[in-house]
Amino acid sequence: MEAPLLTVEGLHKSFGETPILNGVSLNVEKGDLVSIIGPSGCGKSTFLRCMNFLEVPDAGRISIAGVAIDCHGLDEAPPKDLERKAHELRQHVGMVFQQFHLFPHMTILENTMLAPRVAKNQSKGEARENCLRLLEKVGLEAFAERYPSQMSGGQQQRAAIARALAMSPQVMLYDEPTSALDPELVAEVLAVMKQLDDEGMTQIVVTHEMRFARDASDYIVFMEGGNIVEISDEDEIFENPKDDRTRRFLGRFQ
């Protein structure tokens, strides 16, 4: 049996004296779309950021696409050792944030080309060809030479997805990718994520979009208080949640 593409074992993270993650474990198979839901402050975003080492875990183990990092004592390790390990793991991960983080002085195409040019030493011609193809994938081929200020929030977020895809990741992580968007723009971003799921991209999404979580996910992870409370497929967790905490949370959306 093929090993999971992403494995998290016993992940702990505190900020000062405040525990945020309390031994969280999760396996994600190649091609799965997993939605992580739960109340604000339950640790969802911290969990996602730890997967990409934007936050350094206090303990546990993370493995993505065969790159494994034992997280115990990393905050005391030499900074160069930690950055080398994190850089190796990030080569397999794309990240999309709530805010778009596009460089305002660059066109959408230039924003998309930057990472493969710098991190992968792609030639300008190769990067341009690949990134135009990705902008076409997200429906922005006609906007390649526009600047972020000339585009809607939904268009900017789709450009951010194309930028993440430009690094050819095996896993895409999304931290509330639609929370900064007007409601009418949410659907166009979610449609891109569904398209990537159809193409077999592994995706982990922290979201408050319950309809998307139910319609698109292979399974759903419910977190509360820094713990995973329940993991279930999309229909079961909405129709018959096993834990009272899950039931109370989902009751807000009915």
Protein backbone atom coordinates (compact mmCIF):
# COMPACT_ATOMS: atom_id res chain seq x y z
CA MET A 1 0.00 0.00 0.00
CA GLU A 2 1.32 3.44 -0.94
CA ALA A 3 2.31 5.62 2.02
CA PRO A 4 0.29 8.80 2.66
CA LEU A 5 1.63 11.83 0.80
CA LEU A 6 1.45 13.89 3.99
CA THR A 7 1.78 12.62 7.56
CA VAL A 8 1.65 14.65 10.75
CA GLU A 9 2.34 12.84 14.02
CA GLY A 10 1.89 14.24 17.52
CA LEU A 11 2.25 17.91 16.61
CA HIS A 12 2.54 20.38 19.49
CA LYS A 13 2.75 24.14 19.31
CA SER A 14 2.50 26.80 21.99
CA PHE A 15 2.85 30.56 21.89
CA GLY A 16 4.44 31.49 25.19
CA GLU A 17 2.49 29.71 27.90
CA THR A 18 -0.56 29.24 25.68
CA PRO A 19 -0.90 25.80 24.03
CA ILE A 20 -2.31 25.98 20.50
CA LEU A 21 -1.84 22.42 19.20
CA ASN A 22 -2.00 19.44 21.54
CA GLY A 23 -0.48 16.42 19.79
CA VAL A 24 -2.34 16.65 16.48
CA SER A 25 -1.94 13.77 13.99
CA LEU A 26 -3.24 13.47 10.43
CA ASN A 27 -2.61 11.39 7.29
CA VAL A 28 -3.53 12.71 3.83
CA GLU A 29 -3.43 10.48 0.78
CA LYS A 30 -2.31 11.61 -2.64
CA GLY A 31 -5.15 13.31 -4.52
CA ASP A 32 -7.32 13.97 -1.46
CA LEU A 33 -9.05 17.29 -0.85
CA VAL A 34 -9.32 17.76 2.91
CA SER A 35 -11.22 20.60 4.59
CA ILE A 36 -10.29 21.62 8.12
CA ILE A 37 -13.14 23.32 9.96
CA GLY A 38 -13.71 24.52 13.50
CA PRO A 39 -14.34 27.63 15.60
CA SER A 40 -12.02 30.63 15.41
CA GLY A 41 -8.96 30.20 17.60
CA CYS A 42 -9.07 26.39 17.61
CA GLY A 43 -5.64 26.03 15.97
CA LYS A 44 -6.60 25.42 12.33
CA SER A 45 -4.39 28.07 10.77
CA THR A 46 -1.48 27.32 13.11
CA PHE A 47 -1.75 23.65 12.16
CA LEU A 48 -1.59 24.56 8.47
CA ARG A 49 1.33 26.97 8.95
CA CYS A 50 3.26 24.33 10.87
CA MET A 51 2.95 21.95 7.91
CA ASN A 52 4.90 24.46 5.82
CA PHE A 53 7.16 25.54 8.70
CA LEU A 54 5.92 29.11 8.64
CA GLU A 55 5.51 28.31 12.32
CA VAL A 56 8.11 26.04 13.93
CA PRO A 57 6.42 23.20 15.86
CA ASP A 58 7.56 22.45 19.40
CA ALA A 59 7.35 18.68 18.99
CA GLY A 60 6.06 16.02 16.62
CA ARG A 61 6.95 14.85 13.13
CA ILE A 62 5.94 16.06 9.68
CA SER A 63 6.50 14.17 6.43
CA ILE A 64 5.52 15.49 3.00
CA ALA A 65 6.38 13.71 -0.27
CA GLY A 66 9.09 11.69 1.45
CA VAL A 67 10.73 14.65 3.22
CA ALA A 68 10.44 14.05 6.97
CA ILE A 69 11.33 16.44 9.79
CA ASP A 70 11.43 15.52 13.48
CA CYS A 71 10.21 18.70 15.12
CA HIS A 72 11.47 18.12 18.66
CA GLY A 73 13.92 20.81 19.68
CA LEU A 74 13.88 22.58 16.31
CA ASP A 75 13.56 25.99 17.96
CA GLU A 76 16.95 25.35 19.59
CA ALA A 77 18.64 24.06 16.44
CA PRO A 78 21.06 26.24 14.47
CA PRO A 79 18.97 28.54 12.25
CA LYS A 80 20.74 27.37 9.08
CA ASP A 81 19.93 23.72 9.84
CA LEU A 82 16.25 24.52 10.37
CA GLU A 83 16.02 26.64 7.23
CA ARG A 84 17.74 23.95 5.14
CA LYS A 85 15.24 21.32 6.32
CA ALA A 86 12.27 23.63 5.90
CA HIS A 87 13.42 24.68 2.42
CA GLU A 88 13.64 21.05 1.31
CA LEU A 89 10.12 20.34 2.53
CA ARG A 90 8.68 23.54 1.02
CA GLN A 91 9.82 22.45 -2.43
CA HIS A 92 6.82 20.12 -2.41
CA VAL A 93 4.25 22.54 -0.95
CA GLY A 94 2.29 25.47 -2.35
CA MET A 95 0.61 27.92 0.03
CA VAL A 96 -2.30 30.31 -0.52
CA PHE A 97 -3.21 32.82 2.19
CA GLN A 98 -6.23 34.90 3.18
CA GLN A 99 -4.54 37.96 1.75
CA PHE A 100 -3.14 37.71 -1.75
CA HIS A 101 0.41 38.98 -1.08
CA LEU A 102 0.97 39.91 -4.72
CA PHE A 103 3.71 42.43 -5.45
CA PRO A 104 1.84 45.58 -6.52
CA HIS A 105 4.64 46.84 -8.80
CA MET A 106 4.67 43.60 -10.84
CA THR A 107 2.18 42.36 -13.40
CA ILE A 108 0.27 39.17 -12.68
CA LEU A 109 2.57 37.27 -15.03
CA GLU A 110 5.67 38.70 -13.35
CA ASN A 111 4.30 37.78 -9.93
CA THR A 112 3.71 34.22 -11.11
CA MET A 113 7.13 33.89 -12.74
CA LEU A 114 9.15 35.18 -9.80
CA ALA A 115 9.40 32.04 -7.63
CA PRO A 116 10.37 29.55 -10.37
CA ARG A 117 12.91 32.04 -11.72
CA VAL A 118 14.53 32.56 -8.30
CA ALA A 119 14.03 29.24 -6.54
CA LYS A 120 14.26 26.85 -9.49
CA ASN A 121 16.54 28.84 -11.80
CA GLN A 122 14.13 28.53 -14.70
CA SER A 123 14.97 30.56 -17.75
CA LYS A 124 12.76 33.54 -18.47
CA GLY A 125 11.32 31.81 -21.53
CA GLU A 126 10.55 28.57 -19.70
CA ALA A 127 9.01 30.35 -16.73
CA ARG A 128 6.92 32.58 -19.00
CA GLU A 129 5.58 29.62 -20.98
CA ASN A 130 4.73 27.61 -17.85
CA CYS A 131 3.14 30.55 -16.05
CA LEU A 132 1.00 31.59 -19.01
CA ARG A 133 -0.31 28.04 -19.06
CA LEU A 134 -1.13 28.26 -15.34
CA LEU A 135 -2.85 31.62 -15.75
CA GLU A 136 -4.94 30.04 -18.48
CA LYS A 137 -5.80 27.21 -16.08
CA VAL A 138 -7.20 29.69 -13.55
CA GLY A 139 -8.96 31.77 -16.21
CA LEU A 140 -6.58 34.74 -16.19
CA GLU A 141 -4.69 34.41 -19.46
CA ALA A 142 -6.22 37.69 -20.66
CA PHE A 143 -5.04 39.47 -17.50
CA ALA A 144 -1.38 38.44 -17.57
CA GLU A 145 -0.08 41.99 -18.12
CA ARG A 146 -2.36 43.67 -15.63
CA TYR A 147 -1.27 44.81 -12.19
CA PRO A 148 -2.98 43.54 -9.01
CA SER A 149 -4.68 46.91 -8.43
CA GLN A 150 -6.44 46.50 -11.79
CA MET A 151 -8.09 43.22 -10.77
CA SER A 152 -10.87 42.09 -8.45
CA GLY A 153 -10.17 40.24 -5.23
CA GLY A 154 -11.29 36.96 -6.77
CA GLN A 155 -8.97 37.46 -9.72
CA GLN A 156 -6.07 38.28 -7.40
CA GLN A 157 -6.67 35.14 -5.36
CA ARG A 158 -6.77 33.03 -8.51
CA ALA A 159 -3.47 34.65 -9.49
CA ALA A 160 -2.10 33.69 -6.06
CA ILE A 161 -3.12 30.08 -6.73
CA ALA A 162 -1.36 30.17 -10.10
CA ARG A 163 1.73 31.58 -8.40
CA ALA A 164 1.74 28.70 -5.89
CA LEU A 165 1.25 26.16 -8.69
CA ALA A 166 4.24 27.61 -10.56
CA MET A 167 6.54 25.78 -8.13
CA SER A 168 5.01 22.43 -9.18
CA PRO A 169 3.96 21.45 -5.65
CA GLN A 170 2.64 18.04 -4.69
CA VAL A 171 0.48 19.50 -1.91
CA MET A 172 -1.48 22.76 -1.88
CA LEU A 173 -2.31 24.40 1.46
CA TYR A 174 -4.99 27.10 1.71
CA ASP A 175 -5.54 29.28 4.78
CA GLU A 176 -9.06 30.70 4.54
CA PRO A 177 -8.59 31.47 0.82
CA THR A 178 -11.99 33.13 0.40
CA SER A 179 -12.42 34.96 3.72
CA ALA A 180 -11.18 38.30 2.31
CA LEU A 181 -13.51 38.13 -0.71
CA ASP A 182 -16.94 39.54 -1.33
CA PRO A 183 -19.52 36.72 -1.47
CA GLU A 184 -20.02 37.03 -5.23
CA LEU A 185 -16.29 36.41 -5.82
CA VAL A 186 -15.98 33.31 -3.64
CA ALA A 187 -17.38 30.90 -6.23
CA GLU A 188 -14.72 31.63 -8.86
CA VAL A 189 -11.90 30.77 -6.43
CA LEU A 190 -13.62 27.62 -5.19
CA ALA A 191 -14.17 26.53 -8.80
CA VAL A 192 -10.41 26.58 -9.40
CA MET A 193 -9.85 24.43 -6.32
CA LYS A 194 -12.46 21.94 -7.49
CA GLN A 195 -10.78 21.82 -10.91
CA LEU A 196 -7.43 21.05 -9.26
CA ASP A 197 -9.11 18.29 -7.26
CA ASP A 198 -10.45 16.79 -10.49
CA GLU A 199 -6.88 16.83 -11.82
CA GLY A 200 -5.59 14.92 -8.79
CA MET A 201 -3.91 17.70 -6.80
CA THR A 202 -3.65 17.03 -3.07
CA GLN A 203 -5.21 19.97 -1.22
CA ILE A 204 -5.73 20.89 2.44
CA VAL A 205 -8.09 23.79 3.04
CA VAL A 206 -8.77 25.68 6.26
CA THR A 207 -12.19 27.12 5.57
CA HIS A 208 -15.44 28.50 6.94
CA GLU A 209 -17.18 27.75 3.63
CA MET A 210 -19.34 24.85 4.82
CA ARG A 211 -21.03 24.36 1.46
CA PHE A 212 -17.66 24.00 -0.27
CA ALA A 213 -16.40 21.68 2.48
CA ARG A 214 -19.43 19.46 2.03
CA ASP A 215 -19.53 19.52 -1.77
CA ALA A 216 -15.83 19.26 -2.60
CA SER A 217 -14.02 17.47 0.22
CA ASP A 218 -13.04 13.83 0.28
CA TYR A 219 -13.23 14.13 4.04
CA ILE A 220 -13.50 16.81 6.70
CA VAL A 221 -11.42 17.39 9.83
CA PHE A 222 -13.13 19.15 12.73
CA MET A 223 -10.82 20.84 15.26
CA GLU A 224 -11.54 22.42 18.61
CA GLY A 225 -9.20 23.50 21.41
CA GLY A 226 -6.04 22.51 19.58
CA ASN A 227 -7.20 18.95 18.96
CA ILE A 228 -8.73 17.00 16.10
CA VAL A 229 -12.12 16.03 17.43
CA GLU A 230 -13.53 14.17 14.46
CA ILE A 231 -12.57 13.08 10.94
CA SER A 232 -15.34 11.96 8.63
CA ASP A 233 -16.50 12.08 5.05
CA GLU A 234 -18.44 15.15 4.03
CA ASP A 235 -21.93 13.66 4.22
CA GLU A 236 -21.51 11.78 7.47
CA ILE A 237 -20.07 14.66 9.47
CA PHE A 238 -22.92 16.96 8.42
CA GLU A 239 -25.71 14.41 8.70
CA ASN A 240 -24.54 12.38 11.69
CA PRO A 241 -21.64 13.98 13.61
CA LYS A 242 -20.28 11.62 16.25
CA ASP A 243 -19.13 14.22 18.77
CA ASP A 244 -21.30 16.76 20.58
CA ARG A 245 -18.73 19.49 19.91
CA THR A 246 -19.00 18.87 16.16
CA ARG A 247 -22.78 18.86 16.38
CA ARG A 248 -22.87 22.19 18.20
CA PHE A 249 -20.47 23.84 15.75
CA LEU A 250 -22.28 22.64 12.62
CA GLY A 251 -25.62 23.63 14.14
CA ARG A 252 -24.63 27.28 13.62
CA PHE A 253 -24.74 26.79 9.86
CA GLN A 254 -28.12 25.14 9.60
